[in-house]
Structures are given as C-alpha cells and as structure tokens.
C-alpha cells in the first residue's frame, strides 16, 4: 500500500522531470517546435526555473511562436541574464506588433526607435523603418545589409478574421524560409 501511495504521489513529478529533460534534448537537436510544445505543457511546474523558462522561450522563438513569449517576458526577472532575455523577447514581440500595425493600418513607425536584435523580424523591422520609399506598397523587398545574396520579402495577407504578416527569406532567388505572424 505504501508503495502504491508513493507511486501516486511521485509519478507526476518524475513525468515532469522526464519532460524537462526531453525538452532540453529536443532543443539541442534543433526540434524547436516540439521543444516549445513540450515546454508549454510543464511551464507551470518550472515557473521559478529561469534556465528552463529561457530554453522554452528560445525554442518558441526559433519555431516562430512569438505569442508564446508573453509568459517568459513576465517571468524572467530574478537574474541579470533572465532580465536581458526578457528584454530581448519583448523587443521582438513589440517589433512584430508594430510592424503588423504599420502594414495593416498605415501606422507611421518613423518616430519609433527600438533596439535591434539578431532575429529575422528585427532585421526586417529595421529595413522597413529606414525605408524612405512610400509605405503604401503591397510588397516590400529588402536586401540584407550584411549579405547581398540574402534578401527578404515582406507583405500582409488579409484573408480570414485577422491579417497575417509574411516574411520570406531568400538566398539569391531561392526562398529558404517563410515566417508567418499574426
């Protein structure tokens, strides 16, 4: 009877530890979508573990699940590294929201100055805000300032209940990745 009680009490904890280790492994293997999904299942159990929260957030970022960054932005506050990570995620989320607002509603981003990051959305945000051409185009094509072979196409689709912002990455003329944000 004591063994059964022990198993009933501790098996959920062992399961959570297994999921935490599995999340780390998925991240290391580059399976960011799976790591983000697994991490979201056990995030409440590790709400004080800033290393795990950061790993979860970076997994979601690399999977382009930017809306899942809100909990880490709020939770990462106890150490300097955690606060830096929270600020990094907040900048990217803010850039996403502002760029979608500008493209959908012709909002002027010129007076806004935000820090930049190495994330693709930040690069495109900077290119868009520094673009002196009229902002009433359907598509925006930009060349990467660091690599002339790399380029980006930015546009909005308005089908469905809310607009979606699309960033396509190209190397020469070959599309290498498509990011969809809403």
N, C-alpha and C. Protein backbone atom coordinates (compact mmCIF):
# COMPACT_ATOMS: atom_id res chain seq x y z
N UNK A 1 0.81 -1.19 0.00
CA UNK A 1 0.00 0.00 0.00
C UNK A 1 0.86 1.26 0.00
N UNK A 2 1.95 1.24 0.80
CA UNK A 2 2.84 2.40 0.86
C UNK A 2 3.51 2.64 -0.49
N UNK A 3 3.86 1.54 -1.18
CA UNK A 3 4.49 1.68 -2.50
C UNK A 3 3.52 2.31 -3.50
N UNK A 4 2.27 1.91 -3.44
CA UNK A 4 1.27 2.47 -4.33
C UNK A 4 1.07 3.96 -4.05
N UNK A 5 1.00 4.32 -2.79
CA UNK A 5 0.86 5.73 -2.41
C UNK A 5 2.08 6.52 -2.89
N UNK A 6 3.26 5.96 -2.70
CA UNK A 6 4.50 6.60 -3.15
C UNK A 6 4.45 6.84 -4.66
N UNK A 7 4.05 5.84 -5.41
CA UNK A 7 3.96 5.97 -6.87
C UNK A 7 2.93 7.01 -7.28
N UNK A 8 1.80 7.04 -6.61
CA UNK A 8 0.77 8.02 -6.94
C UNK A 8 1.22 9.45 -6.66
N UNK A 9 2.00 9.63 -5.62
CA UNK A 9 2.47 10.97 -5.25
C UNK A 9 3.61 11.42 -6.15
N UNK A 10 4.56 10.55 -6.42
CA UNK A 10 5.78 10.97 -7.10
C UNK A 10 5.81 10.71 -8.61
N UNK A 11 4.91 9.93 -9.14
CA UNK A 11 4.95 9.66 -10.58
C UNK A 11 4.71 10.92 -11.43
N UNK A 12 3.81 11.83 -11.04
CA UNK A 12 3.69 13.06 -11.83
C UNK A 12 4.98 13.89 -11.82
N UNK A 13 5.68 13.90 -10.70
CA UNK A 13 6.94 14.64 -10.63
C UNK A 13 8.00 14.01 -11.53
N UNK A 14 8.07 12.70 -11.53
CA UNK A 14 9.03 12.01 -12.39
C UNK A 14 8.69 12.24 -13.85
N UNK A 15 7.41 12.25 -14.18
CA UNK A 15 6.97 12.52 -15.54
C UNK A 15 7.39 13.93 -15.97
N UNK A 16 7.23 14.91 -15.08
CA UNK A 16 7.61 16.29 -15.39
C UNK A 16 9.11 16.41 -15.59
N UNK A 17 9.90 15.72 -14.77
CA UNK A 17 11.35 15.75 -14.93
C UNK A 17 11.73 15.15 -16.27
N UNK A 18 11.07 14.05 -16.65
CA UNK A 18 11.33 13.45 -17.96
C UNK A 18 11.01 14.42 -19.08
N UNK A 19 9.89 15.14 -18.97
CA UNK A 19 9.53 16.12 -20.00
C UNK A 19 10.52 17.27 -20.05
N UNK A 20 11.04 17.67 -18.90
CA UNK A 20 12.04 18.74 -18.87
C UNK A 20 13.30 18.29 -19.60
N UNK A 21 13.78 17.11 -19.30
CA UNK A 21 14.98 16.57 -19.97
C UNK A 21 14.71 16.40 -21.46
N UNK A 22 13.53 15.92 -21.79
CA UNK A 22 13.16 15.74 -23.19
C UNK A 22 13.13 17.08 -23.93
N UNK A 23 12.65 18.12 -23.26
CA UNK A 23 12.61 19.46 -23.86
C UNK A 23 14.03 19.95 -24.16
N UNK A 24 14.95 19.76 -23.21
CA UNK A 24 16.35 20.12 -23.45
C UNK A 24 16.92 19.37 -24.65
N UNK A 25 16.65 18.08 -24.72
CA UNK A 25 17.17 17.27 -25.83
C UNK A 25 16.59 17.72 -27.17
N UNK A 26 15.30 17.99 -27.20
CA UNK A 26 14.66 18.46 -28.43
C UNK A 26 15.28 19.77 -28.90
N UNK A 27 15.55 20.66 -27.95
CA UNK A 27 16.18 21.93 -28.30
C UNK A 27 17.57 21.69 -28.89
N UNK A 28 18.35 20.85 -28.25
CA UNK A 28 19.70 20.56 -28.73
C UNK A 28 19.69 19.91 -30.11
N UNK A 29 18.64 19.16 -30.41
CA UNK A 29 18.52 18.51 -31.72
C UNK A 29 17.94 19.44 -32.78
N UNK A 30 17.61 20.66 -32.40
CA UNK A 30 17.05 21.61 -33.35
C UNK A 30 15.57 21.40 -33.64
N UNK A 31 14.90 20.66 -32.80
CA UNK A 31 13.46 20.41 -32.96
C UNK A 31 12.70 21.43 -32.10
N UNK A 32 12.74 22.67 -32.55
CA UNK A 32 12.26 23.78 -31.74
C UNK A 32 10.74 23.77 -31.55
N UNK A 33 9.99 23.41 -32.58
CA UNK A 33 8.53 23.36 -32.43
C UNK A 33 8.13 22.36 -31.35
N UNK A 34 8.73 21.18 -31.40
CA UNK A 34 8.42 20.15 -30.40
C UNK A 34 8.87 20.59 -29.01
N UNK A 35 10.04 21.21 -28.92
CA UNK A 35 10.53 21.69 -27.62
C UNK A 35 9.59 22.75 -27.04
N UNK A 36 9.11 23.63 -27.89
CA UNK A 36 8.17 24.66 -27.44
C UNK A 36 6.87 24.03 -26.95
N UNK A 37 6.35 23.09 -27.71
CA UNK A 37 5.10 22.43 -27.31
C UNK A 37 5.25 21.65 -26.01
N UNK A 38 6.35 20.89 -25.89
CA UNK A 38 6.58 20.12 -24.66
C UNK A 38 6.78 21.05 -23.47
N UNK A 39 7.56 22.10 -23.70
CA UNK A 39 7.82 23.06 -22.63
C UNK A 39 6.56 23.72 -22.13
N UNK A 40 5.63 24.00 -23.04
CA UNK A 40 4.39 24.66 -22.62
C UNK A 40 3.56 23.76 -21.70
N UNK A 41 3.71 22.45 -21.84
CA UNK A 41 2.95 21.51 -21.01
C UNK A 41 3.42 21.50 -19.56
N UNK A 42 4.68 21.84 -19.34
CA UNK A 42 5.22 21.77 -17.97
C UNK A 42 5.70 23.12 -17.45
N UNK A 43 5.40 24.17 -18.17
CA UNK A 43 5.88 25.51 -17.79
C UNK A 43 5.43 25.89 -16.38
N UNK A 44 4.22 25.59 -16.01
CA UNK A 44 3.73 25.92 -14.67
C UNK A 44 4.53 25.25 -13.56
N UNK A 45 5.02 24.05 -13.83
CA UNK A 45 5.78 23.31 -12.82
C UNK A 45 7.19 23.86 -12.64
N UNK A 46 7.66 24.63 -13.61
CA UNK A 46 9.02 25.17 -13.55
C UNK A 46 9.02 26.70 -13.63
N UNK A 47 7.99 27.32 -13.07
CA UNK A 47 7.86 28.77 -13.18
C UNK A 47 8.94 29.55 -12.44
N UNK A 48 9.70 28.89 -11.57
CA UNK A 48 10.81 29.54 -10.87
C UNK A 48 12.17 29.19 -11.49
N UNK A 49 12.19 28.30 -12.45
CA UNK A 49 13.43 27.84 -13.09
C UNK A 49 13.70 28.68 -14.33
N UNK A 50 14.48 29.75 -14.15
CA UNK A 50 14.70 30.69 -15.24
C UNK A 50 15.48 30.10 -16.40
N UNK A 51 16.34 29.13 -16.14
CA UNK A 51 17.04 28.46 -17.24
C UNK A 51 16.05 27.71 -18.12
N UNK A 52 15.13 27.00 -17.49
CA UNK A 52 14.13 26.27 -18.27
C UNK A 52 13.20 27.23 -19.01
N UNK A 53 12.77 28.30 -18.35
CA UNK A 53 11.89 29.28 -18.99
C UNK A 53 12.59 29.90 -20.19
N UNK A 54 13.87 30.21 -20.05
CA UNK A 54 14.63 30.77 -21.18
C UNK A 54 14.74 29.77 -22.32
N UNK A 55 15.03 28.53 -21.99
CA UNK A 55 15.11 27.49 -23.02
C UNK A 55 13.77 27.35 -23.74
N UNK A 56 12.70 27.33 -22.99
CA UNK A 56 11.36 27.26 -23.57
C UNK A 56 11.13 28.45 -24.50
N UNK A 57 11.47 29.65 -24.04
CA UNK A 57 11.24 30.85 -24.84
C UNK A 57 12.08 30.85 -26.12
N UNK A 58 13.34 30.46 -26.02
CA UNK A 58 14.17 30.40 -27.22
C UNK A 58 13.67 29.33 -28.19
N UNK A 59 13.14 28.23 -27.66
CA UNK A 59 12.54 27.21 -28.53
C UNK A 59 11.36 27.80 -29.29
N UNK A 60 10.50 28.49 -28.58
CA UNK A 60 9.33 29.09 -29.21
C UNK A 60 9.73 30.18 -30.20
N UNK A 61 10.75 30.95 -29.87
CA UNK A 61 11.24 31.98 -30.79
C UNK A 61 11.76 31.35 -32.08
N UNK A 62 12.57 30.32 -31.96
CA UNK A 62 13.13 29.67 -33.14
C UNK A 62 12.06 28.95 -33.96
N UNK A 63 10.94 28.62 -33.32
CA UNK A 63 9.81 27.99 -34.03
C UNK A 63 8.83 29.03 -34.57
N UNK A 64 9.12 30.31 -34.36
CA UNK A 64 8.26 31.43 -34.77
C UNK A 64 6.93 31.47 -34.02
N UNK A 65 6.87 30.93 -32.83
CA UNK A 65 5.68 31.01 -31.99
C UNK A 65 5.84 32.20 -31.04
N UNK A 66 5.83 33.39 -31.61
CA UNK A 66 6.15 34.59 -30.82
C UNK A 66 5.12 34.89 -29.74
N UNK A 67 3.88 34.52 -29.95
CA UNK A 67 2.87 34.81 -28.94
C UNK A 67 3.09 34.02 -27.65
N UNK A 68 3.87 32.96 -27.72
CA UNK A 68 4.18 32.17 -26.52
C UNK A 68 5.29 32.81 -25.69
N UNK A 69 5.80 33.95 -26.12
CA UNK A 69 6.86 34.64 -25.38
C UNK A 69 6.32 35.48 -24.23
N UNK A 70 5.03 35.68 -24.17
CA UNK A 70 4.49 36.60 -23.15
C UNK A 70 4.75 36.11 -21.73
N UNK A 71 4.56 34.83 -21.47
CA UNK A 71 4.80 34.32 -20.11
C UNK A 71 6.28 34.43 -19.74
N UNK A 72 7.21 34.03 -20.61
CA UNK A 72 8.63 34.22 -20.26
C UNK A 72 9.00 35.70 -20.06
N UNK A 73 8.43 36.60 -20.85
CA UNK A 73 8.73 38.03 -20.69
C UNK A 73 8.38 38.48 -19.27
N UNK A 74 7.26 38.02 -18.76
CA UNK A 74 6.82 38.38 -17.41
C UNK A 74 7.61 37.63 -16.34
N UNK A 75 7.93 36.38 -16.60
CA UNK A 75 8.53 35.51 -15.58
C UNK A 75 10.03 35.70 -15.37
N UNK A 76 10.74 36.11 -16.41
CA UNK A 76 12.20 36.21 -16.32
C UNK A 76 12.58 37.54 -15.66
N UNK A 77 12.85 37.50 -14.35
CA UNK A 77 13.08 38.76 -13.64
C UNK A 77 14.10 38.68 -12.51
N UNK A 78 14.55 37.51 -12.13
CA UNK A 78 15.37 37.39 -10.93
C UNK A 78 16.86 37.61 -11.14
N UNK A 79 17.39 37.28 -12.29
CA UNK A 79 18.83 37.46 -12.53
C UNK A 79 19.04 38.42 -13.70
N UNK A 80 20.25 38.93 -13.80
CA UNK A 80 20.58 39.86 -14.89
C UNK A 80 20.39 39.18 -16.25
N UNK A 81 20.84 37.93 -16.35
CA UNK A 81 20.69 37.21 -17.62
C UNK A 81 19.22 36.99 -17.97
N UNK A 82 18.42 36.66 -16.98
CA UNK A 82 16.99 36.45 -17.21
C UNK A 82 16.32 37.74 -17.66
N UNK A 83 16.66 38.85 -17.02
CA UNK A 83 16.07 40.14 -17.41
C UNK A 83 16.51 40.53 -18.81
N UNK A 84 17.76 40.24 -19.17
CA UNK A 84 18.23 40.52 -20.53
C UNK A 84 17.46 39.68 -21.54
N UNK A 85 17.22 38.42 -21.23
CA UNK A 85 16.44 37.56 -22.12
C UNK A 85 15.01 38.09 -22.25
N UNK A 86 14.41 38.50 -21.14
CA UNK A 86 13.05 39.03 -21.18
C UNK A 86 12.98 40.28 -22.05
N UNK A 87 13.97 41.15 -21.93
CA UNK A 87 14.01 42.36 -22.75
C UNK A 87 14.16 42.01 -24.23
N UNK A 88 15.01 41.04 -24.53
CA UNK A 88 15.22 40.57 -25.90
C UNK A 88 13.90 40.08 -26.51
N UNK A 89 13.19 39.24 -25.77
CA UNK A 89 11.92 38.71 -26.26
C UNK A 89 10.88 39.82 -26.40
N UNK A 90 10.87 40.76 -25.46
CA UNK A 90 9.90 41.86 -25.50
C UNK A 90 10.12 42.75 -26.72
N UNK A 91 11.38 43.02 -27.06
CA UNK A 91 11.69 43.83 -28.24
C UNK A 91 11.14 43.16 -29.50
N UNK A 92 11.38 41.87 -29.63
CA UNK A 92 10.93 41.14 -30.82
C UNK A 92 9.40 41.13 -30.89
N UNK A 93 8.74 40.90 -29.78
CA UNK A 93 7.28 40.89 -29.76
C UNK A 93 6.73 42.28 -30.10
N UNK A 94 7.35 43.32 -29.57
CA UNK A 94 6.93 44.69 -29.87
C UNK A 94 7.13 45.00 -31.35
N UNK A 95 8.26 44.60 -31.91
CA UNK A 95 8.51 44.83 -33.33
C UNK A 95 7.47 44.12 -34.20
N UNK A 96 7.12 42.92 -33.82
CA UNK A 96 6.09 42.18 -34.57
C UNK A 96 4.77 42.95 -34.56
N UNK A 97 4.34 43.36 -33.39
CA UNK A 97 3.06 44.05 -33.27
C UNK A 97 3.07 45.39 -34.01
N UNK A 98 4.15 46.14 -33.88
CA UNK A 98 4.23 47.44 -34.55
C UNK A 98 4.30 47.30 -36.07
N UNK A 99 5.07 46.35 -36.55
CA UNK A 99 5.20 46.16 -37.99
C UNK A 99 3.87 45.70 -38.60
N UNK A 100 3.19 44.81 -37.94
CA UNK A 100 1.87 44.37 -38.43
C UNK A 100 0.89 45.54 -38.41
N UNK A 101 0.94 46.36 -37.38
CA UNK A 101 0.09 47.55 -37.28
C UNK A 101 0.41 48.52 -38.42
N UNK A 102 1.68 48.74 -38.69
CA UNK A 102 2.08 49.65 -39.77
C UNK A 102 1.62 49.14 -41.13
N UNK A 103 1.80 47.87 -41.38
CA UNK A 103 1.43 47.31 -42.68
C UNK A 103 -0.08 47.23 -42.87
N UNK A 104 -0.80 46.93 -41.83
CA UNK A 104 -2.26 46.76 -41.92
C UNK A 104 -3.01 48.08 -41.86
N UNK A 105 -2.51 49.02 -41.07
CA UNK A 105 -3.26 50.24 -40.78
C UNK A 105 -2.53 51.52 -41.17
N UNK A 106 -1.45 51.41 -41.93
CA UNK A 106 -0.64 52.55 -42.38
C UNK A 106 -0.15 53.40 -41.20
N UNK A 107 0.20 52.75 -40.12
CA UNK A 107 0.75 53.44 -38.96
C UNK A 107 2.20 53.82 -39.26
N UNK A 108 2.57 55.05 -38.94
CA UNK A 108 3.91 55.56 -39.22
C UNK A 108 4.87 55.14 -38.10
N UNK A 109 5.88 54.37 -38.46
CA UNK A 109 6.88 53.91 -37.49
C UNK A 109 8.11 54.81 -37.42
N UNK A 110 8.18 55.84 -38.24
CA UNK A 110 9.38 56.69 -38.27
C UNK A 110 9.78 57.24 -36.91
N UNK A 111 8.84 57.75 -36.10
CA UNK A 111 9.28 58.33 -34.83
C UNK A 111 9.70 57.30 -33.78
N UNK A 112 9.49 56.03 -34.06
CA UNK A 112 9.77 54.99 -33.06
C UNK A 112 11.18 54.46 -33.23
N UNK A 113 11.92 54.45 -32.15
CA UNK A 113 13.28 53.90 -32.14
C UNK A 113 13.31 52.76 -31.13
N UNK A 114 13.58 51.57 -31.61
CA UNK A 114 13.67 50.40 -30.74
C UNK A 114 15.05 49.78 -30.87
N UNK A 115 15.50 49.06 -29.86
CA UNK A 115 16.74 48.31 -30.01
C UNK A 115 16.56 47.26 -31.10
N UNK A 116 17.65 46.74 -31.59
CA UNK A 116 17.57 45.70 -32.61
C UNK A 116 18.13 44.40 -32.06
N UNK A 117 17.78 43.31 -32.70
CA UNK A 117 18.28 42.00 -32.30
C UNK A 117 18.78 41.28 -33.55
N UNK A 118 19.26 40.07 -33.36
CA UNK A 118 19.72 39.28 -34.50
C UNK A 118 18.60 38.43 -35.10
N UNK A 119 17.40 38.55 -34.60
CA UNK A 119 16.27 37.78 -35.11
C UNK A 119 15.80 38.38 -36.43
N UNK A 120 15.33 37.55 -37.36
CA UNK A 120 14.97 38.00 -38.70
C UNK A 120 13.92 39.11 -38.67
N UNK A 121 12.98 39.03 -37.78
CA UNK A 121 11.95 40.06 -37.69
C UNK A 121 12.55 41.42 -37.35
N UNK A 122 13.56 41.44 -36.51
CA UNK A 122 14.25 42.70 -36.17
C UNK A 122 14.96 43.28 -37.39
N UNK A 123 15.61 42.42 -38.15
CA UNK A 123 16.29 42.88 -39.36
C UNK A 123 15.30 43.52 -40.31
N UNK A 124 14.18 42.85 -40.55
CA UNK A 124 13.17 43.38 -41.47
C UNK A 124 12.52 44.63 -40.88
N UNK A 125 12.28 44.66 -39.59
CA UNK A 125 11.73 45.85 -38.93
C UNK A 125 12.65 47.05 -39.17
N UNK A 126 13.95 46.87 -38.97
CA UNK A 126 14.91 47.95 -39.20
C UNK A 126 14.92 48.39 -40.66
N UNK A 127 14.89 47.44 -41.57
CA UNK A 127 14.88 47.77 -43.00
C UNK A 127 13.61 48.54 -43.36
N UNK A 128 12.49 48.14 -42.82
CA UNK A 128 11.22 48.82 -43.09
C UNK A 128 11.22 50.24 -42.52
N UNK A 129 11.66 50.40 -41.28
CA UNK A 129 11.62 51.73 -40.66
C UNK A 129 12.63 52.69 -41.30
N UNK A 130 13.70 52.16 -41.88
CA UNK A 130 14.69 53.01 -42.54
C UNK A 130 14.40 53.21 -44.03
N UNK A 131 13.38 52.57 -44.54
CA UNK A 131 12.99 52.68 -45.95
C UNK A 131 12.36 54.05 -46.19
N UNK A 132 12.91 54.80 -47.13
CA UNK A 132 12.40 56.14 -47.40
C UNK A 132 11.34 56.16 -48.50
N UNK A 133 11.13 55.04 -49.16
CA UNK A 133 10.11 54.97 -50.21
C UNK A 133 8.71 55.02 -49.59
N UNK A 134 7.70 55.35 -50.40
CA UNK A 134 6.33 55.37 -49.87
C UNK A 134 5.94 54.04 -49.24
N UNK A 135 5.14 54.12 -48.18
CA UNK A 135 4.77 52.92 -47.42
C UNK A 135 3.41 52.35 -47.84
N UNK A 136 2.97 52.63 -49.05
CA UNK A 136 1.66 52.15 -49.47
C UNK A 136 1.76 51.00 -50.47
N UNK A 137 2.89 50.32 -50.48
CA UNK A 137 3.07 49.20 -51.40
C UNK A 137 2.44 47.94 -50.84
N UNK A 138 2.20 46.98 -51.72
CA UNK A 138 1.66 45.68 -51.28
C UNK A 138 2.76 44.77 -50.78
N UNK A 139 3.96 44.89 -51.38
CA UNK A 139 5.11 44.06 -51.00
C UNK A 139 6.34 44.95 -50.84
N UNK A 140 7.17 44.55 -49.92
CA UNK A 140 8.42 45.27 -49.66
C UNK A 140 9.56 44.27 -49.84
N UNK A 141 10.50 44.63 -50.69
CA UNK A 141 11.66 43.77 -50.94
C UNK A 141 12.91 44.46 -50.40
N UNK A 142 13.66 43.74 -49.59
CA UNK A 142 14.86 44.31 -48.97
C UNK A 142 16.04 43.36 -49.13
N UNK A 143 17.21 43.96 -49.27
CA UNK A 143 18.46 43.20 -49.30
C UNK A 143 19.09 43.29 -47.92
N UNK A 144 19.60 42.18 -47.45
CA UNK A 144 20.24 42.13 -46.14
C UNK A 144 21.48 43.03 -46.16
N UNK A 145 21.63 43.91 -45.18
CA UNK A 145 22.80 44.80 -45.15
C UNK A 145 24.12 44.07 -44.92
N UNK A 146 24.06 42.87 -44.36
CA UNK A 146 25.27 42.10 -44.06
C UNK A 146 25.66 41.14 -45.18
N UNK A 147 24.69 40.74 -46.01
CA UNK A 147 24.94 39.73 -47.04
C UNK A 147 24.08 40.06 -48.26
N UNK A 148 24.70 40.52 -49.35
CA UNK A 148 23.95 40.94 -50.54
C UNK A 148 23.23 39.78 -51.23
N UNK A 149 23.62 38.55 -50.95
CA UNK A 149 22.94 37.39 -51.54
C UNK A 149 21.64 37.06 -50.81
N UNK A 150 21.47 37.63 -49.64
CA UNK A 150 20.30 37.34 -48.82
C UNK A 150 19.31 38.49 -48.94
N UNK A 151 18.04 38.15 -49.10
CA UNK A 151 17.02 39.20 -49.21
C UNK A 151 15.74 38.75 -48.51
N UNK A 152 14.84 39.71 -48.35
CA UNK A 152 13.59 39.48 -47.64
C UNK A 152 12.44 40.08 -48.42
N UNK A 153 11.32 39.42 -48.39
CA UNK A 153 10.09 39.96 -48.95
C UNK A 153 9.09 40.02 -47.80
N UNK A 154 8.49 41.20 -47.63
CA UNK A 154 7.56 41.46 -46.54
C UNK A 154 6.21 41.83 -47.13
N UNK A 155 5.14 41.20 -46.65
CA UNK A 155 3.80 41.56 -47.10
C UNK A 155 2.77 41.06 -46.09
N UNK A 156 1.53 41.50 -46.29
CA UNK A 156 0.43 41.13 -45.40
C UNK A 156 -0.65 40.45 -46.24
N UNK A 157 -1.22 39.39 -45.70
CA UNK A 157 -2.40 38.77 -46.31
C UNK A 157 -3.59 39.13 -45.43
N UNK A 158 -4.70 39.44 -46.07
CA UNK A 158 -5.86 39.90 -45.30
C UNK A 158 -7.02 38.92 -45.34
N UNK A 159 -6.79 37.69 -45.75
CA UNK A 159 -7.84 36.68 -45.72
C UNK A 159 -8.04 36.18 -44.30
N UNK A 160 -9.25 35.89 -43.94
CA UNK A 160 -9.51 35.41 -42.59
C UNK A 160 -9.88 36.54 -41.65
N UNK A 161 -10.05 36.21 -40.39
CA UNK A 161 -10.52 37.20 -39.42
C UNK A 161 -9.48 38.29 -39.09
N UNK A 162 -8.20 37.97 -39.21
CA UNK A 162 -7.18 38.97 -38.90
C UNK A 162 -6.05 38.88 -39.93
N UNK A 163 -5.38 40.00 -40.18
CA UNK A 163 -4.29 39.98 -41.16
C UNK A 163 -3.10 39.16 -40.66
N UNK A 164 -2.36 38.61 -41.61
CA UNK A 164 -1.14 37.88 -41.29
C UNK A 164 0.02 38.55 -42.00
N UNK A 165 1.11 38.70 -41.28
CA UNK A 165 2.32 39.29 -41.84
C UNK A 165 3.23 38.14 -42.26
N UNK A 166 3.75 38.23 -43.47
CA UNK A 166 4.62 37.19 -44.02
C UNK A 166 6.00 37.80 -44.28
N UNK A 167 7.03 37.12 -43.83
CA UNK A 167 8.41 37.47 -44.18
C UNK A 167 9.00 36.24 -44.85
N UNK A 168 9.40 36.42 -46.10
CA UNK A 168 10.07 35.34 -46.83
C UNK A 168 11.55 35.67 -46.91
N UNK A 169 12.37 34.69 -46.57
CA UNK A 169 13.82 34.84 -46.67
C UNK A 169 14.28 34.18 -47.97
N UNK A 170 15.18 34.85 -48.68
CA UNK A 170 15.72 34.33 -49.93
C UNK A 170 17.24 34.31 -49.87
N UNK A 171 17.80 33.31 -50.50
CA UNK A 171 19.24 33.32 -50.79
C UNK A 171 19.34 33.29 -52.30
N UNK A 172 19.92 34.32 -52.89
CA UNK A 172 19.85 34.58 -54.33
C UNK A 172 18.36 34.64 -54.69
N UNK A 173 17.87 33.74 -55.50
CA UNK A 173 16.45 33.78 -55.87
C UNK A 173 15.66 32.63 -55.25
N UNK A 174 16.28 31.87 -54.37
CA UNK A 174 15.64 30.70 -53.78
C UNK A 174 15.10 31.04 -52.39
N UNK A 175 13.80 30.81 -52.20
CA UNK A 175 13.22 31.05 -50.88
C UNK A 175 13.70 29.96 -49.93
N UNK A 176 14.29 30.40 -48.81
CA UNK A 176 14.84 29.46 -47.84
C UNK A 176 13.94 29.28 -46.62
N UNK A 177 13.13 30.29 -46.32
CA UNK A 177 12.26 30.18 -45.14
C UNK A 177 11.12 31.18 -45.26
N UNK A 178 9.98 30.78 -44.74
CA UNK A 178 8.81 31.66 -44.70
C UNK A 178 8.33 31.75 -43.25
N UNK A 179 8.21 32.97 -42.77
CA UNK A 179 7.74 33.24 -41.40
C UNK A 179 6.34 33.84 -41.51
N UNK A 180 5.41 33.31 -40.76
CA UNK A 180 4.03 33.81 -40.77
C UNK A 180 3.69 34.26 -39.34
N UNK A 181 3.30 35.53 -39.23
CA UNK A 181 2.97 36.10 -37.92
C UNK A 181 1.56 36.68 -37.97
N UNK A 182 0.84 36.58 -36.87
CA UNK A 182 -0.48 37.20 -36.77
C UNK A 182 -0.64 37.85 -35.44
